[in-house]
């Protein structure tokens, strides 16, 4: 069985950059995020966690940094990370498609 959910978004909506939320992880300059988090090695939590998860289960996937992901799943993951980057669940049972994780931290 295959279930498909399609959502049409106008191109102007898809490529519009949303303003950064106060204290958010996405849409802010990397330097300010590093200073705010004071993370070890000057690596933001979201980058460290996503990289660790991709290395754990995505290195044998063909096209891991080339394939697109579900925009709906990406928005859900982004909301989870914005709420609490340290506790956001990136495991396969919550985010089965590792491309959602790889495209999330590369394109946001």
Protein backbone atom coordinates (compact mmCIF):
# COMPACT_ATOMS: atom_id res chain seq x y z
CA UNK A 1 0.00 0.00 0.00
CA UNK A 2 1.19 3.46 -0.81
CA UNK A 3 -0.23 6.59 0.75
CA UNK A 4 0.50 9.91 -0.89
CA UNK A 5 -0.21 13.34 0.47
CA UNK A 6 0.27 16.24 -1.92
CA UNK A 7 0.31 19.90 -1.06
CA UNK A 8 0.53 22.65 -3.66
CA UNK A 9 2.40 25.77 -2.66
CA UNK A 10 2.94 28.71 -4.93
CA UNK A 11 6.59 29.29 -5.85
CA UNK A 12 6.58 32.71 -4.18
CA UNK A 13 5.55 31.03 -0.91
CA UNK A 14 8.05 28.20 -1.18
CA UNK A 15 11.07 30.45 -1.65
CA UNK A 16 10.05 33.26 0.70
CA UNK A 17 12.35 33.50 3.69
CA UNK A 18 10.52 33.83 6.98
CA UNK A 19 11.86 36.30 9.51
CA UNK A 20 13.89 34.74 12.28
CA UNK A 21 12.09 34.16 15.54
CA UNK A 22 13.54 35.82 18.59
CA UNK A 23 15.90 33.28 20.09
CA UNK A 24 15.36 30.99 17.09
CA UNK A 25 17.84 28.62 15.51
CA UNK A 26 17.02 29.25 11.85
CA UNK A 27 17.33 32.48 9.89
CA UNK A 28 19.87 34.04 12.22
CA UNK A 29 23.53 34.70 11.46
CA UNK A 30 25.72 31.72 12.38
CA UNK A 31 28.05 33.91 14.45
CA UNK A 32 25.21 35.14 16.65
CA UNK A 33 23.89 31.61 17.15
CA UNK A 34 27.35 30.37 18.19
CA UNK A 35 27.75 33.26 20.62
CA UNK A 36 24.27 32.80 22.07
CA UNK A 37 24.63 29.02 22.57
CA UNK A 38 28.28 29.02 23.66
CA UNK A 39 28.49 25.48 22.30
CA UNK A 40 31.67 23.43 22.58
CA UNK A 41 33.79 23.78 19.45
CA UNK A 42 31.67 26.73 18.26
CA UNK A 43 29.23 24.34 16.57
CA UNK A 44 25.52 25.10 17.05
CA UNK A 45 23.44 22.36 18.65
CA UNK A 46 21.25 21.89 15.56
CA UNK A 47 24.28 21.36 13.31
CA UNK A 48 25.94 18.96 15.75
CA UNK A 49 22.81 16.89 16.36
CA UNK A 50 21.77 16.67 12.70
CA UNK A 51 25.30 15.75 11.63
CA UNK A 52 25.51 13.04 14.27
CA UNK A 53 22.19 11.55 13.14
CA UNK A 54 23.15 11.62 9.45
CA UNK A 55 26.48 9.97 10.27
CA UNK A 56 24.71 7.35 12.40
CA UNK A 57 22.15 6.24 9.81
CA UNK A 58 22.58 8.09 6.55
CA UNK A 59 26.08 7.45 5.27
CA UNK A 60 24.99 4.40 3.29
CA UNK A 61 22.09 6.27 1.63
CA UNK A 62 22.70 7.23 -1.99
CA UNK A 63 22.25 10.95 -2.60
CA UNK A 64 21.95 11.89 1.06
CA UNK A 65 22.76 15.56 0.43
CA UNK A 66 21.11 15.72 -3.00
CA UNK A 67 17.65 14.27 -2.47
CA UNK A 68 14.70 16.42 -1.47
CA UNK A 69 12.50 15.71 1.45
CA UNK A 70 8.89 16.25 2.42
CA UNK A 71 8.30 19.94 3.09
CA UNK A 72 5.65 19.03 5.64
CA UNK A 73 8.04 16.76 7.55
CA UNK A 74 10.73 19.41 7.28
CA UNK A 75 8.43 22.03 8.84
CA UNK A 76 7.56 19.62 11.65
CA UNK A 77 11.22 18.90 12.39
CA UNK A 78 12.09 22.58 12.22
CA UNK A 79 9.35 23.37 14.77
CA UNK A 80 10.65 20.64 17.09
CA UNK A 81 14.20 21.98 16.82
CA UNK A 82 13.07 25.57 17.40
CA UNK A 83 11.18 24.46 20.52
CA UNK A 84 14.18 22.62 22.00
CA UNK A 85 17.18 21.75 19.83
CA UNK A 86 18.82 19.64 22.50
CA UNK A 87 15.77 17.42 23.10
CA UNK A 88 14.27 17.29 19.58
CA UNK A 89 13.85 13.66 18.57
CA UNK A 90 15.80 12.82 15.40
CA UNK A 91 15.61 9.02 15.73
CA UNK A 92 14.34 6.86 12.87
CA UNK A 93 11.02 6.12 14.57
CA UNK A 94 10.21 9.88 14.68
CA UNK A 95 11.97 10.97 11.47
CA UNK A 96 12.12 7.86 9.25
CA UNK A 97 13.49 9.66 6.18
CA UNK A 98 17.06 10.75 6.95
CA UNK A 99 16.83 13.16 3.99
CA UNK A 100 14.54 15.31 6.13
CA UNK A 101 17.42 15.77 8.56
CA UNK A 102 20.10 16.34 5.94
CA UNK A 103 18.05 18.89 4.02
CA UNK A 104 16.89 20.58 7.23
CA UNK A 105 20.23 21.76 8.46
CA UNK A 106 21.59 22.46 5.00
CA UNK A 107 18.76 24.57 3.64
CA UNK A 108 17.38 26.46 6.60
